[in-house]
Amino acid sequence: MTSPDQPAQSPSPALSPDAARLLEESIASVREALQGLRYGAIALTVHEGRVVQIDVTEKKRLKPN
């Protein structure tokens, strides 16, 4: 049973070994991008259910003199 503040999730279909490997590689790439980012944004481009591109935009805050 789900609580009102959490949406119900449908069961995930079983992944093939290749699809599971690609998913894990994508997650590792996103994790790596997050670890190197202090301020900014990460955008994922997905084609046919696969992450094909990760864009990282880093913001640098300058202190006024």
PDB file of N, CA and C in Angstrom:
ATOM      1  N   MET A   1       0.842  -1.176   0.000  1.00  0.00           N
ATOM      2  CA  MET A   1       0.000   0.000   0.000  1.00  0.00           C
ATOM      3  C   MET A   1       0.882   1.233   0.000  1.00  0.00           C
ATOM      4  N   THR A   2       0.502   2.267  -0.776  1.00  0.00           N
ATOM      5  CA  THR A   2       1.293   3.485  -0.840  1.00  0.00           C
ATOM      6  C   THR A   2       0.631   4.573  -0.011  1.00  0.00           C
ATOM      7  N   SER A   3       1.446   5.487   0.480  1.00  0.00           N
ATOM      8  CA  SER A   3       0.906   6.607   1.231  1.00  0.00           C
ATOM      9  C   SER A   3       0.424   7.671   0.247  1.00  0.00           C
ATOM     10  N   PRO A   4      -0.428   8.613   0.696  1.00  0.00           N
ATOM     11  CA  PRO A   4      -0.965   9.627  -0.217  1.00  0.00           C
ATOM     12  C   PRO A   4       0.092  10.507  -0.862  1.00  0.00           C
ATOM     13  N   ASP A   5       1.235  10.710  -0.205  1.00  0.00           N
ATOM     14  CA  ASP A   5       2.262  11.571  -0.777  1.00  0.00           C
ATOM     15  C   ASP A   5       3.229  10.827  -1.694  1.00  0.00           C
ATOM     16  N   GLN A   6       3.061   9.520  -1.870  1.00  0.00           N
ATOM     17  CA  GLN A   6       3.907   8.754  -2.771  1.00  0.00           C
ATOM     18  C   GLN A   6       3.046   8.130  -3.867  1.00  0.00           C
ATOM     19  N   PRO A   7       3.413   8.397  -5.142  1.00  0.00           N
ATOM     20  CA  PRO A   7       2.630   7.801  -6.228  1.00  0.00           C
ATOM     21  C   PRO A   7       2.836   6.294  -6.286  1.00  0.00           C
ATOM     22  N   ALA A   8       1.821   5.604  -6.744  1.00  0.00           N
ATOM     23  CA  ALA A   8       1.933   4.153  -6.912  1.00  0.00           C
ATOM     24  C   ALA A   8       2.898   3.881  -8.058  1.00  0.00           C
ATOM     25  N   GLN A   9       3.701   2.851  -7.904  1.00  0.00           N
ATOM     26  CA  GLN A   9       4.650   2.492  -8.941  1.00  0.00           C
ATOM     27  C   GLN A   9       4.235   1.172  -9.555  1.00  0.00           C
ATOM     28  N   SER A  10       4.301   1.140 -10.896  1.00  0.00           N
ATOM     29  CA  SER A  10       4.005  -0.119 -11.553  1.00  0.00           C
ATOM     30  C   SER A  10       5.259  -0.976 -11.534  1.00  0.00           C
ATOM     31  N   PRO A  11       5.111  -2.277 -11.521  1.00  0.00           N
ATOM     32  CA  PRO A  11       6.295  -3.137 -11.495  1.00  0.00           C
ATOM     33  C   PRO A  11       7.137  -2.934 -12.750  1.00  0.00           C
ATOM     34  N   SER A  12       8.445  -2.914 -12.588  1.00  0.00           N
ATOM     35  CA  SER A  12       9.348  -2.746 -13.718  1.00  0.00           C
ATOM     36  C   SER A  12       9.471  -4.060 -14.472  1.00  0.00           C
ATOM     37  N   PRO A  13       9.480  -3.992 -15.801  1.00  0.00           N
ATOM     38  CA  PRO A  13       9.690  -5.225 -16.553  1.00  0.00           C
ATOM     39  C   PRO A  13      11.128  -5.700 -16.362  1.00  0.00           C
ATOM     40  N   ALA A  14      11.337  -6.992 -16.436  1.00  0.00           N
ATOM     41  CA  ALA A  14      12.680  -7.552 -16.281  1.00  0.00           C
ATOM     42  C   ALA A  14      13.555  -7.065 -17.438  1.00  0.00           C
ATOM     43  N   LEU A  15      14.789  -6.675 -17.106  1.00  0.00           N
ATOM     44  CA  LEU A  15      15.715  -6.187 -18.121  1.00  0.00           C
ATOM     45  C   LEU A  15      16.597  -7.325 -18.604  1.00  0.00           C
ATOM     46  N   SER A  16      16.951  -7.249 -19.872  1.00  0.00           N
ATOM     47  CA  SER A  16      17.923  -8.216 -20.392  1.00  0.00           C
ATOM     48  C   SER A  16      19.280  -7.877 -19.780  1.00  0.00           C
ATOM     49  N   PRO A  17      20.208  -8.811 -19.794  1.00  0.00           N
ATOM     50  CA  PRO A  17      21.541  -8.516 -19.237  1.00  0.00           C
ATOM     51  C   PRO A  17      22.208  -7.306 -19.894  1.00  0.00           C
ATOM     52  N   ASP A  18      22.060  -7.167 -21.219  1.00  0.00           N
ATOM     53  CA  ASP A  18      22.653  -6.018 -21.915  1.00  0.00           C
ATOM     54  C   ASP A  18      21.989  -4.716 -21.492  1.00  0.00           C
ATOM     55  N   ALA A  19      20.658  -4.718 -21.381  1.00  0.00           N
ATOM     56  CA  ALA A  19      19.933  -3.518 -20.969  1.00  0.00           C
ATOM     57  C   ALA A  19      20.287  -3.149 -19.534  1.00  0.00           C
ATOM     58  N   ALA A  20      20.427  -4.138 -18.668  1.00  0.00           N
ATOM     59  CA  ALA A  20      20.798  -3.873 -17.276  1.00  0.00           C
ATOM     60  C   ALA A  20      22.203  -3.285 -17.198  1.00  0.00           C
ATOM     61  N   ARG A  21      23.119  -3.786 -18.020  1.00  0.00           N
ATOM     62  CA  ARG A  21      24.490  -3.257 -18.043  1.00  0.00           C
ATOM     63  C   ARG A  21      24.503  -1.805 -18.521  1.00  0.00           C
ATOM     64  N   LEU A  22      23.743  -1.511 -19.581  1.00  0.00           N
ATOM     65  CA  LEU A  22      23.667  -0.142 -20.090  1.00  0.00           C
ATOM     66  C   LEU A  22      23.061   0.801 -19.054  1.00  0.00           C
ATOM     67  N   LEU A  23      22.041   0.325 -18.350  1.00  0.00           N
ATOM     68  CA  LEU A  23      21.420   1.137 -17.313  1.00  0.00           C
ATOM     69  C   LEU A  23      22.414   1.441 -16.198  1.00  0.00           C
ATOM     70  N   GLU A  24      23.155   0.439 -15.762  1.00  0.00           N
ATOM     71  CA  GLU A  24      24.156   0.643 -14.705  1.00  0.00           C
ATOM     72  C   GLU A  24      25.256   1.593 -15.157  1.00  0.00           C
ATOM     73  N   GLU A  25      25.674   1.497 -16.419  1.00  0.00           N
ATOM     74  CA  GLU A  25      26.687   2.412 -16.943  1.00  0.00           C
ATOM     75  C   GLU A  25      26.155   3.839 -16.977  1.00  0.00           C
ATOM     76  N   SER A  26      24.896   4.007 -17.360  1.00  0.00           N
ATOM     77  CA  SER A  26      24.285   5.336 -17.389  1.00  0.00           C
ATOM     78  C   SER A  26      24.199   5.923 -15.988  1.00  0.00           C
ATOM     79  N   ILE A  27      23.785   5.118 -15.032  1.00  0.00           N
ATOM     80  CA  ILE A  27      23.687   5.575 -13.643  1.00  0.00           C
ATOM     81  C   ILE A  27      25.066   5.966 -13.118  1.00  0.00           C
ATOM     82  N   ALA A  28      26.084   5.182 -13.449  1.00  0.00           N
ATOM     83  CA  ALA A  28      27.446   5.495 -13.019  1.00  0.00           C
ATOM     84  C   ALA A  28      27.914   6.815 -13.627  1.00  0.00           C
ATOM     85  N   SER A  29      27.571   7.073 -14.883  1.00  0.00           N
ATOM     86  CA  SER A  29      27.954   8.326 -15.533  1.00  0.00           C
ATOM     87  C   SER A  29      27.260   9.520 -14.893  1.00  0.00           C
ATOM     88  N   VAL A  30      25.997   9.370 -14.564  1.00  0.00           N
ATOM     89  CA  VAL A  30      25.261  10.450 -13.894  1.00  0.00           C
ATOM     90  C   VAL A  30      25.849  10.682 -12.504  1.00  0.00           C
ATOM     91  N   ARG A  31      26.149   9.614 -11.785  1.00  0.00           N
ATOM     92  CA  ARG A  31      26.754   9.741 -10.450  1.00  0.00           C
ATOM     93  C   ARG A  31      28.081  10.485 -10.536  1.00  0.00           C
ATOM     94  N   GLU A  32      28.901  10.153 -11.526  1.00  0.00           N
ATOM     95  CA  GLU A  32      30.194  10.805 -11.717  1.00  0.00           C
ATOM     96  C   GLU A  32      30.014  12.299 -12.002  1.00  0.00           C
ATOM     97  N   ALA A  33      29.038  12.638 -12.842  1.00  0.00           N
ATOM     98  CA  ALA A  33      28.767  14.042 -13.146  1.00  0.00           C
ATOM     99  C   ALA A  33      28.315  14.790 -11.896  1.00  0.00           C
ATOM    100  N   LEU A  34      27.488  14.154 -11.085  1.00  0.00           N
ATOM    101  CA  LEU A  34      27.007  14.793  -9.854  1.00  0.00           C
ATOM    102  C   LEU A  34      28.137  15.013  -8.857  1.00  0.00           C
ATOM    103  N   GLN A  35      29.052  14.068  -8.761  1.00  0.00           N
ATOM    104  CA  GLN A  35      30.142  14.187  -7.798  1.00  0.00           C
ATOM    105  C   GLN A  35      31.074  15.345  -8.134  1.00  0.00           C
ATOM    106  N   GLY A  36      31.192  15.674  -9.406  1.00  0.00           N
ATOM    107  CA  GLY A  36      32.075  16.761  -9.804  1.00  0.00           C
ATOM    108  C   GLY A  36      31.401  18.111  -9.889  1.00  0.00           C
ATOM    109  N   LEU A  37      30.135  18.195  -9.525  1.00  0.00           N
ATOM    110  CA  LEU A  37      29.362  19.417  -9.704  1.00  0.00           C
ATOM    111  C   LEU A  37      29.002  20.025  -8.359  1.00  0.00           C
ATOM    112  N   ARG A  38      29.312  21.302  -8.198  1.00  0.00           N
ATOM    113  CA  ARG A  38      28.954  21.984  -6.956  1.00  0.00           C
ATOM    114  C   ARG A  38      27.667  22.791  -7.132  1.00  0.00           C
ATOM    115  N   TYR A  39      27.597  23.597  -8.195  1.00  0.00           N
ATOM    116  CA  TYR A  39      26.391  24.361  -8.534  1.00  0.00           C
ATOM    117  C   TYR A  39      26.152  24.195 -10.024  1.00  0.00           C
ATOM    118  N   GLY A  40      24.929  23.927 -10.408  1.00  0.00           N
ATOM    119  CA  GLY A  40      24.645  23.812 -11.827  1.00  0.00           C
ATOM    120  C   GLY A  40      23.498  22.863 -12.109  1.00  0.00           C
ATOM    121  N   ALA A  41      23.534  22.304 -13.309  1.00  0.00           N
ATOM    122  CA  ALA A  41      22.443  21.439 -13.750  1.00  0.00           C
ATOM    123  C   ALA A  41      22.999  20.289 -14.585  1.00  0.00           C
ATOM    124  N   ILE A  42      22.281  19.187 -14.549  1.00  0.00           N
ATOM    125  CA  ILE A  42      22.604  18.031 -15.382  1.00  0.00           C
ATOM    126  C   ILE A  42      21.340  17.683 -16.173  1.00  0.00           C
ATOM    127  N   ALA A  43      21.490  17.581 -17.492  1.00  0.00           N
ATOM    128  CA  ALA A  43      20.363  17.222 -18.356  1.00  0.00           C
ATOM    129  C   ALA A  43      20.687  15.916 -19.069  1.00  0.00           C
ATOM    130  N   LEU A  44      19.722  15.019 -19.089  1.00  0.00           N
ATOM    131  CA  LEU A  44      19.892  13.737 -19.778  1.00  0.00           C
ATOM    132  C   LEU A  44      19.098  13.759 -21.075  1.00  0.00           C
ATOM    133  N   THR A  45      19.694  13.238 -22.131  1.00  0.00           N
ATOM    134  CA  THR A  45      18.985  13.046 -23.391  1.00  0.00           C
ATOM    135  C   THR A  45      18.769  11.549 -23.549  1.00  0.00           C
ATOM    136  N   VAL A  46      17.510  11.168 -23.733  1.00  0.00           N
ATOM    137  CA  VAL A  46      17.143   9.753 -23.821  1.00  0.00           C
ATOM    138  C   VAL A  46      16.527   9.483 -25.193  1.00  0.00           C
ATOM    139  N   HIS A  47      17.013   8.451 -25.864  1.00  0.00           N
ATOM    140  CA  HIS A  47      16.454   8.007 -27.145  1.00  0.00           C
ATOM    141  C   HIS A  47      16.097   6.537 -26.997  1.00  0.00           C
ATOM    142  N   GLU A  48      14.862   6.225 -27.295  1.00  0.00           N
ATOM    143  CA  GLU A  48      14.372   4.848 -27.256  1.00  0.00           C
ATOM    144  C   GLU A  48      14.715   4.161 -25.934  1.00  0.00           C
ATOM    145  N   GLY A  49      14.530   4.905 -24.836  1.00  0.00           N
ATOM    146  CA  GLY A  49      14.719   4.331 -23.510  1.00  0.00           C
ATOM    147  C   GLY A  49      16.160   4.236 -23.045  1.00  0.00           C
ATOM    148  N   ARG A  50      17.104   4.780 -23.821  1.00  0.00           N
ATOM    149  CA  ARG A  50      18.522   4.735 -23.444  1.00  0.00           C
ATOM    150  C   ARG A  50      19.067   6.142 -23.294  1.00  0.00           C
ATOM    151  N   VAL A  51      19.886   6.352 -22.259  1.00  0.00           N
ATOM    152  CA  VAL A  51      20.560   7.635 -22.090  1.00  0.00           C
ATOM    153  C   VAL A  51      21.654   7.700 -23.146  1.00  0.00           C
ATOM    154  N   VAL A  52      21.581   8.717 -24.011  1.00  0.00           N
ATOM    155  CA  VAL A  52      22.572   8.843 -25.077  1.00  0.00           C
ATOM    156  C   VAL A  52      23.468  10.062 -24.890  1.00  0.00           C
ATOM    157  N   GLN A  53      23.078  10.966 -23.982  1.00  0.00           N
ATOM    158  CA  GLN A  53      23.878  12.167 -23.783  1.00  0.00           C
ATOM    159  C   GLN A  53      23.644  12.707 -22.387  1.00  0.00           C
ATOM    160  N   ILE A  54      24.705  13.214 -21.758  1.00  0.00           N
ATOM    161  CA  ILE A  54      24.615  13.871 -20.462  1.00  0.00           C
ATOM    162  C   ILE A  54      25.248  15.249 -20.626  1.00  0.00           C
ATOM    163  N   ASP A  55      24.454  16.304 -20.411  1.00  0.00           N
ATOM    164  CA  ASP A  55      24.956  17.672 -20.477  1.00  0.00           C
ATOM    165  C   ASP A  55      25.098  18.203 -19.063  1.00  0.00           C
ATOM    166  N   VAL A  56      26.284  18.715 -18.757  1.00  0.00           N
ATOM    167  CA  VAL A  56      26.545  19.288 -17.440  1.00  0.00           C
ATOM    168  C   VAL A  56      26.801  20.777 -17.626  1.00  0.00           C
ATOM    169  N   THR A  57      26.024  21.596 -16.933  1.00  0.00           N
ATOM    170  CA  THR A  57      26.207  23.039 -16.939  1.00  0.00           C
ATOM    171  C   THR A  57      26.613  23.445 -15.541  1.00  0.00           C
ATOM    172  N   GLU A  58      27.827  23.956 -15.427  1.00  0.00           N
ATOM    173  CA  GLU A  58      28.331  24.360 -14.123  1.00  0.00           C
ATOM    174  C   GLU A  58      28.250  25.868 -13.993  1.00  0.00           C
ATOM    175  N   LYS A  59      27.798  26.311 -12.818  1.00  0.00           N
ATOM    176  CA  LYS A  59      27.725  27.735 -12.536  1.00  0.00           C
ATOM    177  C   LYS A  59      28.846  28.095 -11.576  1.00  0.00           C
ATOM    178  N   LYS A  60      29.520  29.179 -11.870  1.00  0.00           N
ATOM    179  CA  LYS A  60      30.574  29.689 -10.999  1.00  0.00           C
ATOM    180  C   LYS A  60      30.094  31.016 -10.432  1.00  0.00           C
ATOM    181  N   ARG A  61      30.001  31.094  -9.137  1.00  0.00           N
ATOM    182  CA  ARG A  61      29.586  32.326  -8.477  1.00  0.00           C
ATOM    183  C   ARG A  61      30.811  33.170  -8.212  1.00  0.00           C
ATOM    184  N   LEU A  62      30.771  34.424  -8.650  1.00  0.00           N
ATOM    185  CA  LEU A  62      31.870  35.346  -8.419  1.00  0.00           C
ATOM    186  C   LEU A  62      31.503  36.274  -7.273  1.00  0.00           C
ATOM    187  N   LYS A  63      32.466  36.487  -6.393  1.00  0.00           N
ATOM    188  CA  LYS A  63      32.228  37.395  -5.267  1.00  0.00           C
ATOM    189  C   LYS A  63      32.520  38.817  -5.724  1.00  0.00           C
ATOM    190  N   PRO A  64      31.644  39.765  -5.364  1.00  0.00           N
ATOM    191  CA  PRO A  64      31.911  41.154  -5.755  1.00  0.00           C
ATOM    192  C   PRO A  64      33.137  41.701  -4.998  1.00  0.00           C
ATOM    193  N   ASN A  65      33.881  42.584  -5.655  1.00  0.00           N
ATOM    194  CA  ASN A  65      35.079  43.159  -5.025  1.00  0.00           C
ATOM    195  C   ASN A  65      34.712  44.288  -4.104  1.00  0.00           C
TER     196      ASN A  65
END
